[in-house]
């Protein structure tokens, strides 16, 4: 289903084409879309970033703000491939002979957090009131007012991707949102380690704004059902109806349903593997000199 078809489905289920209800439906669809994306590392959202640690970052390094979760952390320098295993900050010193990574429990301070003063026109990829911001913040991610999605500055005023939400005038913006994650790596003795690592993970998709957009999911039925539940569930007279939708979405015992089918259709992304010979040495291609 396209976004336009999902919106029409939402209007039909609540039997309303009111302008305020239309805004609510669009908001609910994107909220449900993002909740589904948080359930698993969807292939379309997989990304790779490189971080260099100096063993002095006691509270870690920032990851991209649109990152949902990390699937792998690997050191691939000096012809080796060293895997870091996930742990938690409170279990950091439970020594098991392995290198580890974890998200430190530190408060993230936005580089800018404005309540108003920002203007962005629909279909644009620049801010027309950047003087309100603290200079050039290229590379940083931001969120716009109450709109879904993350955008990345490419210069003082330009950003990517294009903003297709409703035009905003004199609204707020948060650069480096508070839910931005940080990463710490430690060696086998739980000491901070100096290394350049590749971090594999998945990010939130571009929000749904255009009628022709299709959700980046194997099918849209789970998203449609989740939207219906959020729209009619709070209504006293339609709670039984909402329960029927929950049964279809999650199964009568919460162990199956359309959502489980959707998740099984998501092939687990495979991290690129360094080619090796049978003896374990890394293969290097190209003419030798």
Protein backbone atom coordinates (compact mmCIF):
# COMPACT_ATOMS: atom_id res chain seq x y z
CA UNK A 1 0.00 0.00 0.00
CA UNK A 2 1.12 3.56 -0.63
CA UNK A 3 1.01 6.24 2.05
CA UNK A 4 -2.00 7.76 0.30
CA UNK A 5 -3.83 4.43 0.46
CA UNK A 6 -2.98 4.03 4.14
CA UNK A 7 -4.32 7.51 4.85
CA UNK A 8 -7.54 6.67 3.00
CA UNK A 9 -7.83 3.45 5.01
CA UNK A 10 -7.46 5.46 8.21
CA UNK A 11 -10.13 7.91 7.14
CA UNK A 12 -12.48 5.05 6.31
CA UNK A 13 -11.91 3.27 9.64
CA UNK A 14 -12.79 6.37 11.70
CA UNK A 15 -15.40 7.49 9.17
CA UNK A 16 -14.04 11.01 8.96
CA UNK A 17 -12.40 13.24 6.37
CA UNK A 18 -11.99 16.17 8.76
CA UNK A 19 -8.75 18.18 8.35
CA UNK A 20 -7.72 17.69 11.98
CA UNK A 21 -8.41 13.96 11.76
CA UNK A 22 -6.31 13.84 8.59
CA UNK A 23 -3.33 15.29 10.49
CA UNK A 24 -3.88 12.77 13.27
CA UNK A 25 -4.02 9.85 10.84
CA UNK A 26 -0.77 10.88 9.18
CA UNK A 27 0.91 11.23 12.57
CA UNK A 28 -0.37 7.83 13.73
CA UNK A 29 0.84 6.11 10.55
CA UNK A 30 4.37 7.44 11.00
CA UNK A 31 4.40 6.59 14.71
CA UNK A 32 3.34 3.00 13.94
CA UNK A 33 5.82 2.80 11.05
CA UNK A 34 8.70 3.78 13.34
CA UNK A 35 7.59 1.39 16.09
CA UNK A 36 7.68 -1.48 13.60
CA UNK A 37 11.14 -0.43 12.44
CA UNK A 38 12.35 -0.54 16.04
CA UNK A 39 11.49 -4.25 16.25
CA UNK A 40 14.22 -5.61 13.98
CA UNK A 41 17.26 -4.61 11.87
CA UNK A 42 15.43 -4.12 8.57
CA UNK A 43 17.66 -4.66 5.57
CA UNK A 44 16.67 -1.36 3.93
CA UNK A 45 17.86 0.53 7.00
CA UNK A 46 21.30 -1.05 7.44
CA UNK A 47 24.20 1.39 7.57
CA UNK A 48 27.92 1.26 8.36
CA UNK A 49 29.99 3.95 10.04
CA UNK A 50 33.66 4.15 11.03
CA UNK A 51 34.80 5.44 14.43
CA UNK A 52 38.33 5.99 15.71
CA UNK A 53 38.84 5.68 19.46
CA UNK A 54 41.93 6.93 21.32
CA UNK A 55 41.28 5.17 24.66
CA UNK A 56 40.56 8.56 26.26
CA UNK A 57 36.80 8.74 25.59
CA UNK A 58 35.50 7.81 29.03
CA UNK A 59 31.92 8.42 28.00
CA UNK A 60 32.27 7.14 24.43
CA UNK A 61 31.73 8.60 21.00
CA UNK A 62 28.50 9.81 19.45
CA UNK A 63 26.71 7.62 16.93
CA UNK A 64 24.42 9.06 14.26
CA UNK A 65 21.20 10.35 15.84
CA UNK A 66 18.90 8.38 13.54
CA UNK A 67 20.44 5.06 14.60
CA UNK A 68 17.95 2.61 16.10
CA UNK A 69 20.35 -0.14 17.10
CA UNK A 70 23.80 -1.68 16.63
CA UNK A 71 24.19 -5.19 15.20
CA UNK A 72 28.00 -5.53 15.01
CA UNK A 73 31.18 -3.72 16.01
CA UNK A 74 34.36 -4.94 14.28
CA UNK A 75 37.97 -3.82 14.16
CA UNK A 76 39.27 -4.53 10.66
CA UNK A 77 42.63 -2.74 10.81
CA UNK A 78 46.13 -4.15 10.35
CA UNK A 79 44.89 -7.16 8.40
CA UNK A 80 42.87 -8.50 11.31
CA UNK A 81 39.18 -8.84 12.03
CA UNK A 82 38.38 -8.48 15.72
CA UNK A 83 34.79 -8.67 16.90
CA UNK A 84 33.53 -6.68 19.86
CA UNK A 85 30.72 -8.31 21.81
CA UNK A 86 27.74 -6.44 23.18
CA UNK A 87 27.54 -5.89 26.92
CA UNK A 88 26.07 -3.31 29.27
CA UNK A 89 27.80 -0.65 31.31
CA UNK A 90 27.08 -2.40 34.60
CA UNK A 91 28.55 -5.67 33.26
CA UNK A 92 31.65 -4.08 31.77
CA UNK A 93 33.97 -5.59 34.40
CA UNK A 94 32.57 -9.11 34.13
CA UNK A 95 35.76 -10.30 32.45
CA UNK A 96 35.29 -13.13 29.93
CA UNK A 97 38.37 -12.74 27.73
CA UNK A 98 36.50 -10.86 24.98
CA UNK A 99 36.45 -7.31 23.73
CA UNK A 100 33.14 -5.53 24.27
CA UNK A 101 31.05 -2.54 23.28
CA UNK A 102 28.22 -0.86 25.15
CA UNK A 103 26.11 2.28 25.25
CA UNK A 104 27.14 4.40 28.26
CA UNK A 105 24.41 5.89 30.42
CA UNK A 106 25.33 9.53 29.89
CA UNK A 107 23.04 12.48 29.34
CA UNK A 108 23.18 13.83 25.79
CA UNK A 109 23.13 17.61 25.49
CA UNK A 110 21.75 18.92 22.18
CA UNK A 111 24.05 21.32 20.35
CA UNK A 112 20.97 23.46 19.67
CA UNK A 113 17.48 23.26 21.12
CA UNK A 114 15.19 26.05 19.95
CA UNK A 115 11.52 26.44 20.80
CA UNK A 116 10.88 28.74 17.85
CA UNK A 117 12.55 30.76 15.12
CA UNK A 118 13.02 28.08 12.46
CA UNK A 119 11.35 28.14 9.03
CA UNK A 120 11.43 25.30 6.51
CA UNK A 121 9.23 25.15 3.42
CA UNK A 122 7.73 21.88 2.21
CA UNK A 123 9.88 20.36 -0.53
CA UNK A 124 13.01 22.25 0.54
CA UNK A 125 16.37 21.05 1.78
CA UNK A 126 17.56 24.20 3.55
CA UNK A 127 16.65 26.29 6.59
CA UNK A 128 15.83 29.91 5.87
CA UNK A 129 16.51 31.08 9.43
CA UNK A 130 19.85 29.43 10.17
CA UNK A 131 21.13 32.54 11.96
CA UNK A 132 19.25 31.25 15.00
CA UNK A 133 21.58 28.23 15.13
CA UNK A 134 25.08 27.96 16.62
CA UNK A 135 27.06 28.17 13.40
CA UNK A 136 27.92 25.41 10.93
CA UNK A 137 26.90 22.01 12.27
CA UNK A 138 27.62 19.88 9.22
CA UNK A 139 27.23 16.18 9.94
CA UNK A 140 24.87 16.67 12.88
CA UNK A 141 21.31 15.33 12.77
CA UNK A 142 18.23 17.26 13.82
CA UNK A 143 14.50 16.86 14.32
CA UNK A 144 11.92 19.43 13.31
CA UNK A 145 9.25 20.61 15.76
CA UNK A 146 6.67 17.82 16.16
CA UNK A 147 7.44 16.21 12.81
CA UNK A 148 8.76 12.64 12.43
CA UNK A 149 12.14 11.84 10.92
CA UNK A 150 15.76 12.87 11.17
CA UNK A 151 17.66 15.25 8.90
CA UNK A 152 21.41 15.78 8.58
CA UNK A 153 23.10 19.13 8.06
CA UNK A 154 25.44 19.24 5.06
CA UNK A 155 26.30 22.94 5.59
CA UNK A 156 25.14 25.83 7.76
CA UNK A 157 21.73 25.92 6.08
CA UNK A 158 21.46 22.84 3.83
CA UNK A 159 20.39 19.39 4.95
CA UNK A 160 19.43 15.97 3.62
CA UNK A 161 17.01 14.36 2.80
CA UNK A 162 14.49 16.81 1.35
CA UNK A 163 11.81 17.85 3.83
CA UNK A 164 8.35 16.82 2.54
CA UNK A 165 6.38 17.49 5.70
CA UNK A 166 4.06 20.47 6.15
CA UNK A 167 5.80 23.84 5.90
CA UNK A 168 6.82 25.18 9.29
CA UNK A 169 7.27 28.80 10.29
CA UNK A 170 8.79 30.07 13.54
CA UNK A 171 8.92 26.54 14.97
CA UNK A 172 11.45 24.67 17.06
CA UNK A 173 14.35 22.39 16.19
CA UNK A 174 16.62 20.05 18.14
CA UNK A 175 20.13 19.42 16.83
CA UNK A 176 21.62 16.18 18.18
CA UNK A 177 18.44 14.96 19.93
CA UNK A 178 18.65 13.65 23.48
CA UNK A 179 18.00 10.06 22.35
CA UNK A 180 21.29 10.04 20.39
CA UNK A 181 23.36 7.04 21.44
CA UNK A 182 27.05 6.90 22.33
CA UNK A 183 29.42 3.94 22.03
CA UNK A 184 32.28 2.74 24.23
CA UNK A 185 34.73 -0.07 23.34
CA UNK A 186 36.89 -1.94 25.86
CA UNK A 187 39.57 -4.62 25.60
CA UNK A 188 39.68 -8.05 27.23
CA UNK A 189 40.53 -6.44 30.59
CA UNK A 190 37.64 -3.97 30.36
CA UNK A 191 40.03 -1.06 29.74
CA UNK A 192 39.27 1.63 27.17
CA UNK A 193 40.86 0.67 23.87
CA UNK A 194 42.39 2.67 21.02
CA UNK A 195 41.12 1.31 17.71
CA UNK A 196 39.32 2.17 14.51
CA UNK A 197 36.14 0.14 14.26
CA UNK A 198 33.27 -0.33 11.88
CA UNK A 199 29.84 -0.07 13.46
CA UNK A 200 26.97 -1.84 11.72
CA UNK A 201 23.40 -0.95 12.57
CA UNK A 202 20.04 0.18 11.24
CA UNK A 203 18.50 3.63 11.09
CA UNK A 204 15.00 5.09 10.94
CA UNK A 205 13.55 5.40 7.44
CA UNK A 206 12.51 8.64 5.78
CA UNK A 207 9.07 9.57 7.17
CA UNK A 208 5.97 9.04 5.06
CA UNK A 209 4.61 12.30 3.67
CA UNK A 210 3.96 11.83 -0.05
CA UNK A 211 0.90 9.92 -1.29
CA UNK A 212 3.02 7.82 -3.66
CA UNK A 213 5.52 6.73 -0.99
CA UNK A 214 5.55 3.08 0.00
CA UNK A 215 6.68 1.94 3.46
CA UNK A 216 10.01 0.11 3.36
CA UNK A 217 8.46 -3.12 4.62
CA UNK A 218 7.81 -6.50 2.92
CA UNK A 219 4.07 -5.75 3.16
CA UNK A 220 1.84 -3.06 4.66
CA UNK A 221 -0.88 -5.07 6.43
CA UNK A 222 0.87 -4.95 9.82
CA UNK A 223 1.23 -1.19 9.54
CA UNK A 224 -2.42 -0.79 8.55
CA UNK A 225 -3.60 -2.90 11.50
CA UNK A 226 -1.36 -1.02 13.94
CA UNK A 227 -2.81 2.24 12.65
CA UNK A 228 -6.38 0.98 13.06
CA UNK A 229 -5.67 -0.11 16.64
CA UNK A 230 -4.25 3.29 17.57
CA UNK A 231 -7.18 5.09 15.94
CA UNK A 232 -10.13 3.10 17.31
CA UNK A 233 -8.63 1.45 20.41
CA UNK A 234 -9.24 4.44 22.71
CA UNK A 235 -12.93 4.60 21.70
CA UNK A 236 -15.10 2.83 24.29
CA UNK A 237 -17.66 1.57 21.76
CA UNK A 238 -15.01 0.13 19.44
CA UNK A 239 -12.71 -1.68 21.86
CA UNK A 240 -13.99 -5.11 20.84
CA UNK A 241 -13.30 -4.20 17.22
CA UNK A 242 -9.79 -3.05 18.15
CA UNK A 243 -9.19 -6.39 19.90
CA UNK A 244 -10.05 -8.20 16.67
CA UNK A 245 -7.38 -6.15 14.92
CA UNK A 246 -4.88 -7.00 17.69
CA UNK A 247 -5.66 -10.70 17.29
CA UNK A 248 -4.93 -10.47 13.58
CA UNK A 249 -1.78 -8.42 14.15
CA UNK A 250 -0.24 -10.40 17.00
CA UNK A 251 -2.25 -13.64 17.11
CA UNK A 252 -4.74 -14.57 19.86
CA UNK A 253 -1.89 -15.52 22.21
CA UNK A 254 0.55 -12.79 21.10
CA UNK A 255 2.88 -15.32 19.48
CA UNK A 256 1.92 -15.12 15.82
CA UNK A 257 -0.24 -13.06 13.55
CA UNK A 258 0.64 -10.71 10.73
CA UNK A 259 3.47 -9.07 12.67
CA UNK A 260 5.27 -12.38 13.17
CA UNK A 261 4.89 -13.11 9.45
CA UNK A 262 6.32 -9.69 8.62
CA UNK A 263 9.34 -10.24 10.83
CA UNK A 264 10.08 -13.62 9.28
CA UNK A 265 10.10 -11.95 5.86
CA UNK A 266 12.93 -9.66 6.96
CA UNK A 267 16.10 -11.44 5.98
CA UNK A 268 18.78 -10.93 8.59
CA UNK A 269 21.33 -8.56 7.06
CA UNK A 270 24.77 -10.09 6.65
CA UNK A 271 27.79 -8.02 7.57
CA UNK A 272 30.42 -7.84 4.80
CA UNK A 273 33.03 -10.52 5.41
CA UNK A 274 36.75 -10.18 4.76
CA UNK A 275 37.79 -12.88 2.25
CA UNK A 276 40.14 -15.43 3.79
CA UNK A 277 42.07 -18.49 2.65
CA UNK A 278 41.57 -21.89 4.28
CA UNK A 279 44.39 -21.16 6.72
CA UNK A 280 42.66 -17.99 7.87
CA UNK A 281 44.93 -15.43 6.19
CA UNK A 282 43.26 -12.47 4.52
CA UNK A 283 43.16 -12.66 0.74
CA UNK A 284 44.42 -9.58 -1.11
CA UNK A 285 43.46 -9.17 -4.75
CA UNK A 286 45.22 -7.28 -7.48
CA UNK A 287 48.70 -7.40 -8.98
CA UNK A 288 51.54 -7.70 -6.53
CA UNK A 289 54.53 -5.46 -6.98
